[in-house]
Amino acid sequence: MNDAVYIFNGKDITMSVCIQIRAVVDVLQERLNIDFAEAIDRFYNSRTYEVLHQVENGFWAESAEYIADRFMEEQ
């Protein structure tokens, strides 16, 4: 994914954020009937992805489906 480290309330949540990104990409693949490369490209270039990286807002802790819904609204 990337070399970023994500800290929330003093705890390293990097793995949680990475797992969440992968789960969202899986949902997008299914919903949009696209391959992994296209799904990850679309997500990485979205405002939703930017918001997900602002860990202080807690968006990363929402379900993958919820985050995918926000992505779909953005489109």
PDB file of N, CA and C in Angstrom:
ATOM      1  N   MET A   1       0.847  -1.188   0.000  1.00  0.00           N
ATOM      2  CA  MET A   1       0.000   0.000   0.000  1.00  0.00           C
ATOM      3  C   MET A   1       0.893   1.252   0.000  1.00  0.00           C
ATOM      4  N   ASN A   2       1.328   1.680   1.191  1.00  0.00           N
ATOM      5  CA  ASN A   2       2.285   2.781   1.263  1.00  0.00           C
ATOM      6  C   ASN A   2       3.082   2.635   2.558  1.00  0.00           C
ATOM      7  N   ASP A   3       4.003   3.534   2.800  1.00  0.00           N
ATOM      8  CA  ASP A   3       4.865   3.423   3.979  1.00  0.00           C
ATOM      9  C   ASP A   3       4.368   4.258   5.150  1.00  0.00           C
ATOM     10  N   ALA A   4       3.156   4.745   5.086  1.00  0.00           N
ATOM     11  CA  ALA A   4       2.617   5.586   6.145  1.00  0.00           C
ATOM     12  C   ALA A   4       2.367   4.763   7.410  1.00  0.00           C
ATOM     13  N   VAL A   5       2.477   5.427   8.536  1.00  0.00           N
ATOM     14  CA  VAL A   5       2.124   4.841   9.821  1.00  0.00           C
ATOM     15  C   VAL A   5       0.971   5.663  10.367  1.00  0.00           C
ATOM     16  N   TYR A   6      -0.074   4.972  10.801  1.00  0.00           N
ATOM     17  CA  TYR A   6      -1.265   5.655  11.292  1.00  0.00           C
ATOM     18  C   TYR A   6      -1.397   5.428  12.789  1.00  0.00           C
ATOM     19  N   ILE A   7      -1.485   6.526  13.530  1.00  0.00           N
ATOM     20  CA  ILE A   7      -1.595   6.480  14.983  1.00  0.00           C
ATOM     21  C   ILE A   7      -2.937   7.104  15.373  1.00  0.00           C
ATOM     22  N   PHE A   8      -3.684   6.388  16.211  1.00  0.00           N
ATOM     23  CA  PHE A   8      -4.969   6.888  16.710  1.00  0.00           C
ATOM     24  C   PHE A   8      -5.007   6.667  18.211  1.00  0.00           C
ATOM     25  N   ASN A   9      -5.227   7.731  18.965  1.00  0.00           N
ATOM     26  CA  ASN A   9      -5.230   7.655  20.433  1.00  0.00           C
ATOM     27  C   ASN A   9      -3.979   6.965  20.968  1.00  0.00           C
ATOM     28  N   GLY A  10      -2.842   7.266  20.354  1.00  0.00           N
ATOM     29  CA  GLY A  10      -1.573   6.732  20.809  1.00  0.00           C
ATOM     30  C   GLY A  10      -1.273   5.303  20.387  1.00  0.00           C
ATOM     31  N   LYS A  11      -2.162   4.695  19.610  1.00  0.00           N
ATOM     32  CA  LYS A  11      -1.959   3.311  19.179  1.00  0.00           C
ATOM     33  C   LYS A  11      -1.722   3.253  17.675  1.00  0.00           C
ATOM     34  N   ASP A  12      -0.863   2.351  17.266  1.00  0.00           N
ATOM     35  CA  ASP A  12      -0.580   2.130  15.847  1.00  0.00           C
ATOM     36  C   ASP A  12      -1.742   1.352  15.230  1.00  0.00           C
ATOM     37  N   ILE A  13      -2.458   1.999  14.324  1.00  0.00           N
ATOM     38  CA  ILE A  13      -3.593   1.352  13.660  1.00  0.00           C
ATOM     39  C   ILE A  13      -3.302   1.125  12.177  1.00  0.00           C
ATOM     40  N   THR A  14      -2.036   1.151  11.815  1.00  0.00           N
ATOM     41  CA  THR A  14      -1.647   1.015  10.409  1.00  0.00           C
ATOM     42  C   THR A  14      -2.239  -0.250   9.789  1.00  0.00           C
ATOM     43  N   MET A  15      -2.131  -1.380  10.463  1.00  0.00           N
ATOM     44  CA  MET A  15      -2.659  -2.622   9.909  1.00  0.00           C
ATOM     45  C   MET A  15      -4.171  -2.540   9.729  1.00  0.00           C
ATOM     46  N   SER A  16      -4.865  -1.951  10.673  1.00  0.00           N
ATOM     47  CA  SER A  16      -6.317  -1.810  10.563  1.00  0.00           C
ATOM     48  C   SER A  16      -6.699  -0.965   9.351  1.00  0.00           C
ATOM     49  N   VAL A  17      -5.971   0.121   9.130  1.00  0.00           N
ATOM     50  CA  VAL A  17      -6.255   0.984   7.986  1.00  0.00           C
ATOM     51  C   VAL A  17      -5.984   0.233   6.684  1.00  0.00           C
ATOM     52  N   CYS A  18      -4.891  -0.490   6.613  1.00  0.00           N
ATOM     53  CA  CYS A  18      -4.556  -1.252   5.392  1.00  0.00           C
ATOM     54  C   CYS A  18      -5.590  -2.337   5.113  1.00  0.00           C
ATOM     55  N   ILE A  19      -6.010  -3.033   6.156  1.00  0.00           N
ATOM     56  CA  ILE A  19      -7.041  -4.065   5.998  1.00  0.00           C
ATOM     57  C   ILE A  19      -8.341  -3.424   5.524  1.00  0.00           C
ATOM     58  N   GLN A  20      -8.663  -2.269   6.071  1.00  0.00           N
ATOM     59  CA  GLN A  20      -9.891  -1.579   5.671  1.00  0.00           C
ATOM     60  C   GLN A  20      -9.830  -1.154   4.208  1.00  0.00           C
ATOM     61  N   ILE A  21      -8.699  -0.647   3.775  1.00  0.00           N
ATOM     62  CA  ILE A  21      -8.544  -0.236   2.372  1.00  0.00           C
ATOM     63  C   ILE A  21      -8.788  -1.436   1.463  1.00  0.00           C
ATOM     64  N   ARG A  22      -8.178  -2.565   1.794  1.00  0.00           N
ATOM     65  CA  ARG A  22      -8.351  -3.764   0.969  1.00  0.00           C
ATOM     66  C   ARG A  22      -9.815  -4.203   0.948  1.00  0.00           C
ATOM     67  N   ALA A  23     -10.487  -4.138   2.084  1.00  0.00           N
ATOM     68  CA  ALA A  23     -11.891  -4.538   2.154  1.00  0.00           C
ATOM     69  C   ALA A  23     -12.771  -3.616   1.302  1.00  0.00           C
ATOM     70  N   VAL A  24     -12.482  -2.337   1.335  1.00  0.00           N
ATOM     71  CA  VAL A  24     -13.248  -1.378   0.520  1.00  0.00           C
ATOM     72  C   VAL A  24     -13.026  -1.665  -0.962  1.00  0.00           C
ATOM     73  N   VAL A  25     -11.788  -1.913  -1.342  1.00  0.00           N
ATOM     74  CA  VAL A  25     -11.481  -2.224  -2.738  1.00  0.00           C
ATOM     75  C   VAL A  25     -12.223  -3.489  -3.170  1.00  0.00           C
ATOM     76  N   ASP A  26     -12.283  -4.492  -2.305  1.00  0.00           N
ATOM     77  CA  ASP A  26     -13.036  -5.711  -2.624  1.00  0.00           C
ATOM     78  C   ASP A  26     -14.514  -5.401  -2.859  1.00  0.00           C
ATOM     79  N   VAL A  27     -15.095  -4.560  -2.015  1.00  0.00           N
ATOM     80  CA  VAL A  27     -16.497  -4.175  -2.183  1.00  0.00           C
ATOM     81  C   VAL A  27     -16.687  -3.438  -3.506  1.00  0.00           C
ATOM     82  N   LEU A  28     -15.774  -2.528  -3.822  1.00  0.00           N
ATOM     83  CA  LEU A  28     -15.887  -1.771  -5.075  1.00  0.00           C
ATOM     84  C   LEU A  28     -15.768  -2.685  -6.287  1.00  0.00           C
ATOM     85  N   GLN A  29     -14.879  -3.659  -6.219  1.00  0.00           N
ATOM     86  CA  GLN A  29     -14.744  -4.617  -7.323  1.00  0.00           C
ATOM     87  C   GLN A  29     -16.077  -5.308  -7.587  1.00  0.00           C
ATOM     88  N   GLU A  30     -16.695  -5.747  -6.522  1.00  0.00           N
ATOM     89  CA  GLU A  30     -17.958  -6.464  -6.652  1.00  0.00           C
ATOM     90  C   GLU A  30     -19.079  -5.549  -7.146  1.00  0.00           C
ATOM     91  N   ARG A  31     -19.210  -4.399  -6.540  1.00  0.00           N
ATOM     92  CA  ARG A  31     -20.296  -3.482  -6.913  1.00  0.00           C
ATOM     93  C   ARG A  31     -20.167  -2.949  -8.334  1.00  0.00           C
ATOM     94  N   LEU A  32     -18.932  -2.652  -8.733  1.00  0.00           N
ATOM     95  CA  LEU A  32     -18.717  -2.032 -10.043  1.00  0.00           C
ATOM     96  C   LEU A  32     -18.333  -3.042 -11.124  1.00  0.00           C
ATOM     97  N   ASN A  33     -18.169  -4.298 -10.710  1.00  0.00           N
ATOM     98  CA  ASN A  33     -17.780  -5.357 -11.644  1.00  0.00           C
ATOM     99  C   ASN A  33     -16.517  -4.975 -12.416  1.00  0.00           C
ATOM    100  N   ILE A  34     -15.482  -4.600 -11.644  1.00  0.00           N
ATOM    101  CA  ILE A  34     -14.194  -4.201 -12.220  1.00  0.00           C
ATOM    102  C   ILE A  34     -13.089  -5.022 -11.570  1.00  0.00           C
ATOM    103  N   ASP A  35     -11.917  -5.035 -12.190  1.00  0.00           N
ATOM    104  CA  ASP A  35     -10.805  -5.801 -11.626  1.00  0.00           C
ATOM    105  C   ASP A  35     -10.136  -5.028 -10.489  1.00  0.00           C
ATOM    106  N   PHE A  36      -9.260  -5.736  -9.776  1.00  0.00           N
ATOM    107  CA  PHE A  36      -8.591  -5.164  -8.606  1.00  0.00           C
ATOM    108  C   PHE A  36      -7.831  -3.886  -8.955  1.00  0.00           C
ATOM    109  N   ALA A  37      -7.060  -3.912 -10.044  1.00  0.00           N
ATOM    110  CA  ALA A  37      -6.238  -2.752 -10.411  1.00  0.00           C
ATOM    111  C   ALA A  37      -7.088  -1.513 -10.633  1.00  0.00           C
ATOM    112  N   GLU A  38      -8.206  -1.675 -11.315  1.00  0.00           N
ATOM    113  CA  GLU A  38      -9.070  -0.515 -11.565  1.00  0.00           C
ATOM    114  C   GLU A  38      -9.737  -0.040 -10.277  1.00  0.00           C
ATOM    115  N   ALA A  39     -10.178  -0.977  -9.465  1.00  0.00           N
ATOM    116  CA  ALA A  39     -10.840  -0.614  -8.206  1.00  0.00           C
ATOM    117  C   ALA A  39      -9.883   0.146  -7.289  1.00  0.00           C
ATOM    118  N   ILE A  40      -8.668  -0.334  -7.170  1.00  0.00           N
ATOM    119  CA  ILE A  40      -7.712   0.329  -6.277  1.00  0.00           C
ATOM    120  C   ILE A  40      -7.311   1.695  -6.838  1.00  0.00           C
ATOM    121  N   ASP A  41      -7.174   1.792  -8.146  1.00  0.00           N
ATOM    122  CA  ASP A  41      -6.846   3.072  -8.769  1.00  0.00           C
ATOM    123  C   ASP A  41      -7.945   4.095  -8.523  1.00  0.00           C
ATOM    124  N   ARG A  42      -9.175   3.695  -8.726  1.00  0.00           N
ATOM    125  CA  ARG A  42     -10.300   4.619  -8.497  1.00  0.00           C
ATOM    126  C   ARG A  42     -10.356   5.058  -7.034  1.00  0.00           C
ATOM    127  N   PHE A  43     -10.189   4.082  -6.128  1.00  0.00           N
ATOM    128  CA  PHE A  43     -10.272   4.420  -4.711  1.00  0.00           C
ATOM    129  C   PHE A  43      -9.114   5.302  -4.273  1.00  0.00           C
ATOM    130  N   TYR A  44      -7.899   4.973  -4.687  1.00  0.00           N
ATOM    131  CA  TYR A  44      -6.725   5.760  -4.308  1.00  0.00           C
ATOM    132  C   TYR A  44      -6.798   7.193  -4.821  1.00  0.00           C
ATOM    133  N   ASN A  45      -7.529   7.429  -5.868  1.00  0.00           N
ATOM    134  CA  ASN A  45      -7.636   8.767  -6.449  1.00  0.00           C
ATOM    135  C   ASN A  45      -8.925   9.472  -6.059  1.00  0.00           C
ATOM    136  N   SER A  46      -9.522   9.050  -4.963  1.00  0.00           N
ATOM    137  CA  SER A  46     -10.797   9.632  -4.536  1.00  0.00           C
ATOM    138  C   SER A  46     -10.646  10.485  -3.279  1.00  0.00           C
ATOM    139  N   ARG A  47     -11.593  11.347  -3.094  1.00  0.00           N
ATOM    140  CA  ARG A  47     -11.661  12.156  -1.870  1.00  0.00           C
ATOM    141  C   ARG A  47     -11.932  11.239  -0.672  1.00  0.00           C
ATOM    142  N   THR A  48     -12.719  10.200  -0.885  1.00  0.00           N
ATOM    143  CA  THR A  48     -13.030   9.252   0.185  1.00  0.00           C
ATOM    144  C   THR A  48     -11.754   8.640   0.750  1.00  0.00           C
ATOM    145  N   TYR A  49     -10.818   8.297  -0.122  1.00  0.00           N
ATOM    146  CA  TYR A  49      -9.534   7.737   0.309  1.00  0.00           C
ATOM    147  C   TYR A  49      -8.762   8.758   1.145  1.00  0.00           C
ATOM    148  N   GLU A  50      -8.776  10.003   0.731  1.00  0.00           N
ATOM    149  CA  GLU A  50      -8.102  11.063   1.499  1.00  0.00           C
ATOM    150  C   GLU A  50      -8.695  11.170   2.897  1.00  0.00           C
ATOM    151  N   VAL A  51     -10.018  11.138   2.980  1.00  0.00           N
ATOM    152  CA  VAL A  51     -10.695  11.245   4.272  1.00  0.00           C
ATOM    153  C   VAL A  51     -10.355  10.044   5.156  1.00  0.00           C
ATOM    154  N   LEU A  52     -10.246   8.874   4.557  1.00  0.00           N
ATOM    155  CA  LEU A  52      -9.909   7.667   5.309  1.00  0.00           C
ATOM    156  C   LEU A  52      -8.554   7.796   6.000  1.00  0.00           C
ATOM    157  N   HIS A  53      -7.644   8.520   5.399  1.00  0.00           N
ATOM    158  CA  HIS A  53      -6.305   8.685   5.961  1.00  0.00           C
ATOM    159  C   HIS A  53      -6.234   9.739   7.064  1.00  0.00           C
ATOM    160  N   GLN A  54      -7.286  10.480   7.248  1.00  0.00           N
ATOM    161  CA  GLN A  54      -7.347  11.444   8.347  1.00  0.00           C
ATOM    162  C   GLN A  54      -7.887  10.695   9.567  1.00  0.00           C
ATOM    163  N   VAL A  55      -7.032   9.896  10.174  1.00  0.00           N
ATOM    164  CA  VAL A  55      -7.472   8.917  11.170  1.00  0.00           C
ATOM    165  C   VAL A  55      -8.183   9.518  12.373  1.00  0.00           C
ATOM    166  N   GLU A  56      -7.919  10.766  12.665  1.00  0.00           N
ATOM    167  CA  GLU A  56      -8.550  11.372  13.839  1.00  0.00           C
ATOM    168  C   GLU A  56     -10.072  11.438  13.709  1.00  0.00           C
ATOM    169  N   ASN A  57     -10.610  11.363  12.488  1.00  0.00           N
ATOM    170  CA  ASN A  57     -12.061  11.431  12.297  1.00  0.00           C
ATOM    171  C   ASN A  57     -12.755  10.089  12.527  1.00  0.00           C
ATOM    172  N   GLY A  58     -11.993   9.007  12.646  1.00  0.00           N
ATOM    173  CA  GLY A  58     -12.570   7.694  12.918  1.00  0.00           C
ATOM    174  C   GLY A  58     -13.228   7.014  11.725  1.00  0.00           C
ATOM    175  N   PHE A  59     -13.151   7.628  10.547  1.00  0.00           N
ATOM    176  CA  PHE A  59     -13.776   7.074   9.345  1.00  0.00           C
ATOM    177  C   PHE A  59     -13.239   5.677   9.037  1.00  0.00           C
ATOM    178  N   TRP A  60     -11.981   5.437   9.306  1.00  0.00           N
ATOM    179  CA  TRP A  60     -11.338   4.148   9.054  1.00  0.00           C
ATOM    180  C   TRP A  60     -12.002   3.019   9.841  1.00  0.00           C
ATOM    181  N   ALA A  61     -12.697   3.351  10.930  1.00  0.00           N
ATOM    182  CA  ALA A  61     -13.324   2.340  11.778  1.00  0.00           C
ATOM    183  C   ALA A  61     -14.729   1.955  11.313  1.00  0.00           C
ATOM    184  N   GLU A  62     -15.244   2.646  10.311  1.00  0.00           N
ATOM    185  CA  GLU A  62     -16.555   2.300   9.756  1.00  0.00           C
ATOM    186  C   GLU A  62     -16.436   1.011   8.951  1.00  0.00           C
ATOM    187  N   SER A  63     -17.559   0.421   8.594  1.00  0.00           N
ATOM    188  CA  SER A  63     -17.522  -0.808   7.790  1.00  0.00           C
ATOM    189  C   SER A  63     -17.054  -0.498   6.372  1.00  0.00           C
ATOM    190  N   ALA A  64     -16.503  -1.504   5.720  1.00  0.00           N
ATOM    191  CA  ALA A  64     -16.064  -1.342   4.328  1.00  0.00           C
ATOM    192  C   ALA A  64     -17.242  -0.945   3.445  1.00  0.00           C
ATOM    193  N   GLU A  65     -18.415  -1.494   3.714  1.00  0.00           N
ATOM    194  CA  GLU A  65     -19.600  -1.170   2.931  1.00  0.00           C
ATOM    195  C   GLU A  65     -19.974   0.303   3.083  1.00  0.00           C
ATOM    196  N   TYR A  66     -19.885   0.814   4.315  1.00  0.00           N
ATOM    197  CA  TYR A  66     -20.193   2.221   4.568  1.00  0.00           C
ATOM    198  C   TYR A  66     -19.220   3.126   3.808  1.00  0.00           C
ATOM    199  N   ILE A  67     -17.947   2.802   3.874  1.00  0.00           N
ATOM    200  CA  ILE A  67     -16.936   3.600   3.185  1.00  0.00           C
ATOM    201  C   ILE A  67     -17.154   3.519   1.672  1.00  0.00           C
ATOM    202  N   ALA A  68     -17.481   2.328   1.171  1.00  0.00           N
ATOM    203  CA  ALA A  68     -17.772   2.182  -0.261  1.00  0.00           C
ATOM    204  C   ALA A  68     -19.001   2.995  -0.651  1.00  0.00           C
ATOM    205  N   ASP A  69     -19.995   3.052   0.217  1.00  0.00           N
ATOM    206  CA  ASP A  69     -21.175   3.881  -0.048  1.00  0.00           C
ATOM    207  C   ASP A  69     -20.787   5.348  -0.193  1.00  0.00           C
ATOM    208  N   ARG A  70     -19.897   5.827   0.674  1.00  0.00           N
ATOM    209  CA  ARG A  70     -19.440   7.225   0.586  1.00  0.00           C
ATOM    210  C   ARG A  70     -18.689   7.443  -0.731  1.00  0.00           C
ATOM    211  N   PHE A  71     -17.871   6.459  -1.113  1.00  0.00           N
ATOM    212  CA  PHE A  71     -17.159   6.545  -2.396  1.00  0.00           C
ATOM    213  C   PHE A  71     -18.158   6.639  -3.545  1.00  0.00           C
ATOM    214  N   MET A  72     -19.184   5.797  -3.516  1.00  0.00           N
ATOM    215  CA  MET A  72     -20.174   5.789  -4.599  1.00  0.00           C
ATOM    216  C   MET A  72     -20.908   7.131  -4.662  1.00  0.00           C
ATOM    217  N   GLU A  73     -21.205   7.718  -3.513  1.00  0.00           N
ATOM    218  CA  GLU A  73     -21.849   9.033  -3.482  1.00  0.00           C
ATOM    219  C   GLU A  73     -20.952  10.091  -4.112  1.00  0.00           C
ATOM    220  N   GLU A  74     -19.666   9.967  -3.870  1.00  0.00           N
ATOM    221  CA  GLU A  74     -18.678  10.917  -4.411  1.00  0.00           C
ATOM    222  C   GLU A  74     -18.654  10.875  -5.949  1.00  0.00           C
ATOM    223  N   GLN A  75     -18.851   9.696  -6.495  1.00  0.00           N
ATOM    224  CA  GLN A  75     -18.790   9.537  -7.942  1.00  0.00           C
ATOM    225  C   GLN A  75     -20.005  10.171  -8.563  1.00  0.00           C
TER     226      GLN A  75
END
